[in-house]
Amino acid sequence: MRRVCLLVLVSSIGLAQTAAPPSPALVRGVLLERDTPAASGELSVRAVDNQVFRYRYDAKTYVERENQMIDVRRLEPGEKLEVVSDTVPGSVLRYARTIHVSQEPPPPRSLAARMRASRTIADRSLPAGTLTYAGVVFRVSGERLVLHTREGGDQSILLRKDTRFLENGESVEAETLKPNMRVFVRAGKDLYDQVEAYQVIWGSILDPK
């Protein structure tokens, strides 16, 4: 009898040492597979640390993609998920209570792309301009803008009657432009070979992202 008890104790210790750690309530990872086409079944998710977790789901599992509720059967392998789960008495699998399809944030756009995005339909009626300048406004009048450029020199630029002034992507009046502002200018040359501004842009759109 003593020998039997000893064997049971040793076996219990071995099982405790090899038992898998409990699955976390929240797991972020990639969907590997799911049962189909049933409304209930199992699915597996590979977490960022390469651990694989399996879950039970049914018609009550809440699944969301892009702020819209969808059916589990619309999930595709490879999608990034956030799974919130509960323990199930008597089962080694957790119950997937909510599943959220994660969306990757868009990559940061370059300055040139943000400049293009700021152009309105009215902007497109202007000449495209082959010259660009960036710098700090030194002096501005009704007809001319003097710019301290990044290269260290001063650039005198004519202001046209249809020059567009954009602050944070919104069209504003010319009077809004003041000295010491950091601006970006899209320009070209007139018939007399003078530089004239088609657009003067400033604000958060010029801030590095």
Protein backbone atom coordinates (compact mmCIF):
# COMPACT_ATOMS: atom_id res chain seq x y z
CA MET A 1 0.00 0.00 0.00
CA ARG A 2 2.84 2.36 0.90
CA ARG A 3 4.47 1.62 -2.48
CA VAL A 4 1.23 2.42 -4.34
CA CYS A 5 0.86 5.74 -2.53
CA LEU A 6 4.47 6.60 -3.34
CA LEU A 7 3.91 5.89 -7.05
CA VAL A 8 0.78 8.03 -7.08
CA LEU A 9 2.66 10.89 -5.40
CA VAL A 10 5.56 10.67 -7.87
CA SER A 11 3.13 10.61 -10.82
CA SER A 12 1.29 13.67 -9.49
CA ILE A 13 4.53 15.59 -9.13
CA GLY A 14 5.54 14.68 -12.71
CA LEU A 15 2.20 15.83 -14.10
CA ALA A 16 2.46 19.11 -12.20
CA GLN A 17 5.91 19.72 -13.63
CA THR A 18 4.90 19.01 -17.24
CA ALA A 19 1.47 20.66 -17.20
CA ALA A 20 1.19 23.53 -19.68
CA PRO A 21 0.82 27.01 -18.22
CA PRO A 22 -2.71 28.42 -18.30
CA SER A 23 -3.68 30.33 -21.41
CA PRO A 24 -4.02 34.10 -20.93
CA ALA A 25 -7.43 35.72 -21.12
CA LEU A 26 -6.24 38.07 -23.89
CA VAL A 27 -4.15 36.82 -26.80
CA ARG A 28 -3.00 38.76 -29.85
CA GLY A 29 -1.84 36.75 -32.83
CA VAL A 30 -2.55 35.38 -36.30
CA LEU A 31 -5.41 33.05 -37.16
CA LEU A 32 -4.01 29.71 -38.28
CA GLU A 33 -7.20 27.76 -38.93
CA ARG A 34 -10.85 27.43 -37.95
CA ASP A 35 -13.58 24.86 -38.36
CA THR A 36 -15.80 25.41 -41.37
CA PRO A 37 -18.60 25.78 -42.28
CA ALA A 38 -20.17 25.14 -38.87
CA ALA A 39 -21.32 28.08 -36.74
CA SER A 40 -19.57 26.49 -33.77
CA GLY A 41 -16.27 24.70 -33.49
CA GLU A 42 -12.62 25.39 -32.79
CA LEU A 43 -10.00 27.79 -34.05
CA SER A 44 -6.26 28.21 -33.44
CA VAL A 45 -4.20 31.38 -33.09
CA ARG A 46 -0.41 31.75 -33.18
CA ALA A 47 0.66 34.46 -30.72
CA VAL A 48 3.56 36.86 -31.24
CA ASP A 49 5.83 34.55 -29.20
CA ASN A 50 4.91 31.67 -31.58
CA GLN A 51 2.79 29.84 -29.00
CA VAL A 52 -0.35 28.31 -30.51
CA PHE A 53 -3.65 28.59 -28.62
CA ARG A 54 -6.86 26.75 -29.45
CA TYR A 55 -10.33 28.04 -28.62
CA ARG A 56 -13.91 26.94 -28.77
CA TYR A 57 -16.44 29.26 -30.36
CA ASP A 58 -20.17 29.26 -31.10
CA ALA A 59 -22.90 31.53 -32.43
CA LYS A 60 -22.66 33.72 -29.31
CA THR A 61 -18.99 34.58 -29.90
CA TYR A 62 -18.79 38.27 -30.76
CA VAL A 63 -16.60 38.93 -33.81
CA GLU A 64 -15.79 42.44 -35.02
CA ARG A 65 -13.97 43.72 -38.10
CA GLU A 66 -13.74 47.43 -38.96
CA ASN A 67 -16.39 48.29 -36.33
CA GLN A 68 -18.86 45.83 -37.85
CA MET A 69 -20.09 42.58 -36.37
CA ILE A 70 -19.36 39.55 -38.57
CA ASP A 71 -19.68 35.77 -38.36
CA VAL A 72 -16.73 33.61 -37.30
CA ARG A 73 -16.95 31.87 -40.66
CA ARG A 74 -15.87 35.09 -42.38
CA LEU A 75 -12.51 35.09 -40.61
CA GLU A 76 -9.63 34.28 -42.93
CA PRO A 77 -6.38 32.51 -41.99
CA GLY A 78 -3.59 35.04 -41.69
CA GLU A 79 -5.74 37.80 -40.21
CA LYS A 80 -4.45 39.42 -37.02
CA LEU A 81 -6.78 38.86 -34.10
CA GLU A 82 -7.29 39.88 -30.49
CA VAL A 83 -9.09 37.07 -28.65
CA VAL A 84 -10.69 37.52 -25.22
CA SER A 85 -11.56 34.15 -23.72
CA ASP A 86 -12.97 32.45 -20.62
CA THR A 87 -12.14 29.15 -18.99
CA VAL A 88 -14.59 26.29 -19.56
CA PRO A 89 -15.07 23.89 -16.63
CA GLY A 90 -14.02 20.38 -17.60
CA SER A 91 -12.41 21.48 -20.89
CA VAL A 92 -8.77 22.12 -21.78
CA LEU A 93 -9.89 24.68 -24.37
CA ARG A 94 -10.93 28.21 -23.49
CA TYR A 95 -14.10 29.74 -24.88
CA ALA A 96 -13.56 32.66 -27.28
CA ARG A 97 -15.96 35.29 -26.01
CA THR A 98 -14.90 38.17 -28.30
CA ILE A 99 -12.68 38.28 -31.36
CA HIS A 100 -11.48 41.57 -32.79
CA VAL A 101 -9.77 41.70 -36.19
CA SER A 102 -6.81 44.06 -35.84
CA GLN A 103 -6.07 46.50 -38.62
CA GLU A 104 -2.53 47.66 -39.38
CA PRO A 105 -2.09 51.44 -39.17
CA PRO A 106 -1.36 53.03 -42.53
CA PRO A 107 2.32 53.72 -43.21
CA PRO A 108 3.40 57.33 -42.68
CA ARG A 109 3.17 59.37 -45.83
CA SER A 110 6.07 61.33 -47.21
CA LEU A 111 6.00 65.12 -47.34
CA ALA A 112 5.38 64.99 -51.08
CA ALA A 113 2.39 62.68 -50.58
CA ARG A 114 0.95 64.97 -47.90
CA MET A 115 1.41 67.93 -50.22
CA ARG A 116 -0.55 66.12 -52.93
CA ALA A 117 -3.27 65.19 -50.47
CA SER A 118 -3.70 68.83 -49.48
CA ARG A 119 -4.57 69.91 -53.01
CA THR A 120 -8.28 70.58 -53.63
CA ILE A 121 -10.11 70.64 -56.96
CA ALA A 122 -9.48 74.39 -57.07
CA ASP A 123 -5.77 73.79 -56.52
CA ARG A 124 -5.61 71.52 -59.56
CA SER A 125 -6.73 74.42 -61.78
CA LEU A 126 -3.41 76.15 -61.02
CA PRO A 127 -0.20 75.43 -62.92
CA ALA A 128 1.53 72.42 -61.42
CA GLY A 129 4.81 74.24 -60.86
CA THR A 130 8.27 72.80 -61.34
CA LEU A 131 9.98 74.69 -58.49
CA THR A 132 9.67 74.12 -54.76
CA TYR A 133 11.07 76.07 -51.83
CA ALA A 134 11.06 75.48 -48.09
CA GLY A 135 12.11 77.94 -45.44
CA VAL A 136 11.09 80.71 -43.05
CA VAL A 137 9.19 83.81 -44.12
CA PHE A 138 11.44 86.89 -43.79
CA ARG A 139 9.10 89.46 -45.28
CA VAL A 140 5.69 89.35 -46.93
CA SER A 141 3.69 92.03 -48.72
CA GLY A 142 0.67 92.00 -50.96
CA GLU A 143 2.76 91.22 -54.04
CA ARG A 144 5.92 89.52 -52.86
CA LEU A 145 7.24 86.97 -50.38
CA VAL A 146 10.88 86.87 -49.27
CA LEU A 147 11.91 83.48 -47.94
CA HIS A 148 14.97 82.41 -45.92
CA THR A 149 15.58 79.03 -47.57
CA ARG A 150 17.10 75.95 -45.97
CA GLU A 151 20.18 76.43 -48.11
CA GLY A 152 20.85 79.73 -46.31
CA GLY A 153 19.97 82.17 -49.09
CA ASP A 154 17.00 84.51 -49.56
CA GLN A 155 14.49 83.87 -52.32
CA SER A 156 12.12 86.55 -53.55
CA ILE A 157 8.84 85.10 -54.83
CA LEU A 158 5.99 86.92 -56.53
CA LEU A 159 2.48 86.35 -55.20
CA ARG A 160 -0.14 85.92 -57.90
CA LYS A 161 -3.77 86.95 -57.61
CA ASP A 162 -4.70 83.27 -57.64
CA THR A 163 -1.90 82.04 -55.31
CA ARG A 164 -3.41 79.54 -52.87
CA PHE A 165 -2.58 79.78 -49.17
CA LEU A 166 -3.08 76.57 -47.17
CA GLU A 167 -2.84 76.21 -43.40
CA ASN A 168 -3.05 72.62 -42.11
CA GLY A 169 -4.53 71.63 -45.46
CA GLU A 170 -7.30 74.26 -45.36
CA SER A 171 -7.53 77.26 -47.67
CA VAL A 172 -7.02 80.58 -45.84
CA GLU A 173 -6.64 84.25 -46.72
CA ALA A 174 -3.24 85.68 -47.70
CA GLU A 175 -3.26 87.90 -44.60
CA THR A 176 -2.89 84.79 -42.46
CA LEU A 177 0.70 84.38 -43.65
CA LYS A 178 3.11 86.14 -41.27
CA PRO A 179 6.90 86.56 -40.93
CA ASN A 180 8.83 83.79 -39.15
CA MET A 181 6.42 81.10 -40.35
CA ARG A 182 7.99 77.95 -41.79
CA VAL A 183 6.40 77.33 -45.20
CA PHE A 184 6.57 75.19 -48.31
CA VAL A 185 6.12 76.94 -51.67
CA ARG A 186 5.19 75.38 -55.00
CA ALA A 187 6.23 77.81 -57.72
CA GLY A 188 7.19 78.36 -61.33
CA LYS A 189 8.52 81.13 -63.56
CA ASP A 190 6.53 83.72 -65.48
CA LEU A 191 7.24 85.13 -68.93
CA TYR A 192 9.82 87.50 -67.43
CA ASP A 193 11.70 84.64 -65.74
CA GLN A 194 10.55 85.70 -62.26
CA VAL A 195 9.63 83.10 -59.67
CA GLU A 196 5.92 83.21 -58.80
CA ALA A 197 4.08 81.21 -56.14
CA TYR A 198 1.20 78.88 -57.00
CA GLN A 199 0.80 77.52 -53.47
CA VAL A 200 2.12 78.56 -50.06
CA ILE A 201 1.61 75.85 -47.43
CA TRP A 202 2.29 75.79 -43.70
CA GLY A 203 1.11 74.21 -40.46
CA SER A 204 1.15 70.68 -39.05
CA ILE A 205 1.21 69.15 -42.54
CA LEU A 206 4.90 70.12 -42.68
CA ASP A 207 5.74 68.51 -39.35
CA PRO A 208 7.77 65.27 -39.66
CA LYS A 209 5.81 62.09 -38.89
